[in-house]
Amino acid sequence: MMDVSVIDRQRGHKISKSALRAFLAAVVRELPPGDADELAVTLVSDRRMRVLNRTWRGQDRTTDVLS
């Protein structure tokens, strides 16, 4: 069984970590078996996402998803 974790490092939007974790667990159940044993989702502010995007992709702007 894949471990699913949700880390909320933003304050702009109120979310239910338990509901998001339950949704992700349902998605994981639909995936074919593989080598991965963990799924982690971290929610960050636009400011932090811009820094991460610049650091890892060389794009000095925010983005919706960084994987």
N, C-alpha and C. Protein backbone atom coordinates (compact mmCIF):
# COMPACT_ATOMS: atom_id res chain seq x y z
N MET A 1 0.84 -1.18 0.00
CA MET A 1 0.00 0.00 0.00
C MET A 1 0.88 1.24 0.00
N MET A 2 0.57 2.19 -0.86
CA MET A 2 1.35 3.41 -0.99
C MET A 2 1.01 4.37 0.14
N ASP A 3 2.04 4.95 0.75
CA ASP A 3 1.87 5.96 1.79
C ASP A 3 1.52 7.29 1.12
N VAL A 4 0.48 7.96 1.58
CA VAL A 4 0.04 9.24 1.03
C VAL A 4 0.15 10.30 2.12
N SER A 5 0.85 11.40 1.81
CA SER A 5 0.96 12.49 2.79
C SER A 5 0.64 13.83 2.14
N VAL A 6 0.09 14.72 2.93
CA VAL A 6 -0.25 16.08 2.49
C VAL A 6 0.39 17.04 3.47
N ILE A 7 1.17 17.99 2.93
CA ILE A 7 1.84 19.00 3.74
C ILE A 7 1.31 20.36 3.28
N ASP A 8 0.77 21.13 4.20
CA ASP A 8 0.18 22.42 3.86
C ASP A 8 1.09 23.53 4.39
N ARG A 9 1.82 24.17 3.48
CA ARG A 9 2.74 25.26 3.85
C ARG A 9 2.27 26.60 3.29
N GLN A 10 0.98 26.73 3.10
CA GLN A 10 0.43 27.98 2.61
C GLN A 10 -0.70 28.41 3.54
N ARG A 11 -1.02 29.69 3.50
CA ARG A 11 -2.07 30.21 4.36
C ARG A 11 -3.20 30.87 3.59
N GLY A 12 -3.08 30.94 2.27
CA GLY A 12 -4.05 31.67 1.45
C GLY A 12 -5.38 30.98 1.26
N HIS A 13 -5.40 29.65 1.37
CA HIS A 13 -6.63 28.90 1.12
C HIS A 13 -6.81 27.85 2.22
N LYS A 14 -8.00 27.82 2.78
CA LYS A 14 -8.28 26.81 3.79
C LYS A 14 -8.61 25.50 3.07
N ILE A 15 -7.93 24.44 3.46
CA ILE A 15 -8.17 23.14 2.85
C ILE A 15 -8.37 22.10 3.95
N SER A 16 -9.00 21.02 3.57
CA SER A 16 -9.14 19.88 4.47
C SER A 16 -8.07 18.86 4.08
N LYS A 17 -7.03 18.77 4.89
CA LYS A 17 -5.96 17.81 4.57
C LYS A 17 -6.50 16.39 4.58
N SER A 18 -7.42 16.08 5.47
CA SER A 18 -7.95 14.72 5.52
C SER A 18 -8.76 14.41 4.26
N ALA A 19 -9.53 15.36 3.75
CA ALA A 19 -10.30 15.14 2.52
C ALA A 19 -9.36 14.99 1.32
N LEU A 20 -8.34 15.82 1.25
CA LEU A 20 -7.37 15.72 0.16
C LEU A 20 -6.62 14.40 0.23
N ARG A 21 -6.22 14.00 1.43
CA ARG A 21 -5.53 12.72 1.61
C ARG A 21 -6.43 11.55 1.18
N ALA A 22 -7.71 11.60 1.52
CA ALA A 22 -8.66 10.55 1.13
C ALA A 22 -8.81 10.50 -0.39
N PHE A 23 -8.90 11.67 -1.03
CA PHE A 23 -8.99 11.72 -2.49
C PHE A 23 -7.75 11.11 -3.14
N LEU A 24 -6.57 11.50 -2.65
CA LEU A 24 -5.33 10.98 -3.21
C LEU A 24 -5.21 9.47 -2.99
N ALA A 25 -5.67 8.98 -1.85
CA ALA A 25 -5.64 7.54 -1.59
C ALA A 25 -6.53 6.80 -2.59
N ALA A 26 -7.69 7.40 -2.92
CA ALA A 26 -8.58 6.78 -3.91
C ALA A 26 -7.93 6.76 -5.29
N VAL A 27 -7.23 7.83 -5.63
CA VAL A 27 -6.51 7.88 -6.91
C VAL A 27 -5.43 6.81 -6.95
N VAL A 28 -4.68 6.69 -5.88
CA VAL A 28 -3.59 5.72 -5.80
C VAL A 28 -4.11 4.29 -5.98
N ARG A 29 -5.28 4.01 -5.42
CA ARG A 29 -5.86 2.67 -5.56
C ARG A 29 -6.13 2.29 -7.01
N GLU A 30 -6.32 3.30 -7.87
CA GLU A 30 -6.60 3.05 -9.29
C GLU A 30 -5.33 2.88 -10.12
N LEU A 31 -4.17 3.19 -9.56
CA LEU A 31 -2.92 3.07 -10.29
C LEU A 31 -2.45 1.62 -10.34
N PRO A 32 -1.79 1.23 -11.43
CA PRO A 32 -1.23 -0.12 -11.49
C PRO A 32 -0.09 -0.25 -10.48
N PRO A 33 0.14 -1.43 -9.97
CA PRO A 33 1.25 -1.64 -9.04
C PRO A 33 2.57 -1.24 -9.69
N GLY A 34 3.45 -0.68 -8.89
CA GLY A 34 4.74 -0.25 -9.43
C GLY A 34 5.78 -0.18 -8.34
N ASP A 35 6.83 0.51 -8.65
CA ASP A 35 7.95 0.62 -7.72
C ASP A 35 7.75 1.69 -6.65
N ALA A 36 6.89 2.66 -6.91
CA ALA A 36 6.70 3.77 -5.96
C ALA A 36 5.96 3.29 -4.73
N ASP A 37 6.38 3.80 -3.58
CA ASP A 37 5.69 3.42 -2.35
C ASP A 37 5.25 4.63 -1.54
N GLU A 38 5.36 5.83 -2.14
CA GLU A 38 4.98 7.04 -1.44
C GLU A 38 4.49 8.10 -2.40
N LEU A 39 3.46 8.84 -1.99
CA LEU A 39 2.97 10.00 -2.72
C LEU A 39 2.89 11.15 -1.73
N ALA A 40 3.60 12.22 -2.00
CA ALA A 40 3.59 13.39 -1.12
C ALA A 40 3.16 14.61 -1.92
N VAL A 41 2.22 15.35 -1.37
CA VAL A 41 1.75 16.59 -1.98
C VAL A 41 2.00 17.71 -0.98
N THR A 42 2.70 18.75 -1.43
CA THR A 42 2.96 19.91 -0.58
C THR A 42 2.31 21.12 -1.22
N LEU A 43 1.48 21.80 -0.45
CA LEU A 43 0.82 23.02 -0.90
C LEU A 43 1.64 24.20 -0.42
N VAL A 44 2.00 25.10 -1.36
CA VAL A 44 2.84 26.26 -1.03
C VAL A 44 2.21 27.53 -1.56
N SER A 45 2.70 28.66 -1.08
CA SER A 45 2.23 29.96 -1.56
C SER A 45 2.78 30.24 -2.95
N ASP A 46 2.18 31.23 -3.62
CA ASP A 46 2.67 31.63 -4.94
C ASP A 46 4.13 32.09 -4.86
N ARG A 47 4.47 32.80 -3.80
CA ARG A 47 5.84 33.29 -3.64
C ARG A 47 6.82 32.12 -3.58
N ARG A 48 6.50 31.12 -2.77
CA ARG A 48 7.38 29.95 -2.63
C ARG A 48 7.43 29.15 -3.94
N MET A 49 6.29 29.03 -4.62
CA MET A 49 6.26 28.29 -5.88
C MET A 49 7.13 28.99 -6.92
N ARG A 50 7.12 30.31 -6.92
CA ARG A 50 7.97 31.05 -7.86
C ARG A 50 9.45 30.76 -7.60
N VAL A 51 9.85 30.74 -6.34
CA VAL A 51 11.24 30.44 -5.98
C VAL A 51 11.60 29.01 -6.42
N LEU A 52 10.73 28.06 -6.13
CA LEU A 52 10.99 26.67 -6.52
C LEU A 52 11.08 26.54 -8.04
N ASN A 53 10.17 27.18 -8.76
CA ASN A 53 10.16 27.11 -10.22
C ASN A 53 11.43 27.73 -10.80
N ARG A 54 11.87 28.84 -10.22
CA ARG A 54 13.11 29.48 -10.68
C ARG A 54 14.32 28.58 -10.40
N THR A 55 14.34 27.98 -9.22
CA THR A 55 15.47 27.14 -8.81
C THR A 55 15.57 25.89 -9.67
N TRP A 56 14.46 25.19 -9.87
CA TRP A 56 14.49 23.88 -10.52
C TRP A 56 14.26 23.91 -12.02
N ARG A 57 13.58 24.95 -12.52
CA ARG A 57 13.27 24.98 -13.95
C ARG A 57 13.81 26.20 -14.67
N GLY A 58 14.36 27.15 -13.92
CA GLY A 58 14.88 28.36 -14.55
C GLY A 58 13.79 29.29 -15.02
N GLN A 59 12.56 29.12 -14.55
CA GLN A 59 11.43 29.96 -14.94
C GLN A 59 11.08 30.87 -13.77
N ASP A 60 11.26 32.18 -13.94
CA ASP A 60 11.03 33.12 -12.85
C ASP A 60 9.56 33.56 -12.82
N ARG A 61 8.70 32.62 -12.54
CA ARG A 61 7.26 32.88 -12.42
C ARG A 61 6.65 31.74 -11.62
N THR A 62 5.44 31.98 -11.15
CA THR A 62 4.74 30.93 -10.42
C THR A 62 4.15 29.93 -11.40
N THR A 63 3.76 28.79 -10.92
CA THR A 63 3.14 27.77 -11.74
C THR A 63 2.16 26.98 -10.87
N ASP A 64 1.24 26.26 -11.48
CA ASP A 64 0.25 25.50 -10.71
C ASP A 64 0.81 24.21 -10.14
N VAL A 65 1.70 23.56 -10.89
CA VAL A 65 2.21 22.25 -10.47
C VAL A 65 3.70 22.19 -10.76
N LEU A 66 4.44 21.64 -9.81
CA LEU A 66 5.86 21.39 -10.01
C LEU A 66 6.11 19.97 -9.54
N SER A 67 6.49 19.11 -10.45
CA SER A 67 6.67 17.71 -10.08
C SER A 67 8.07 17.21 -10.40
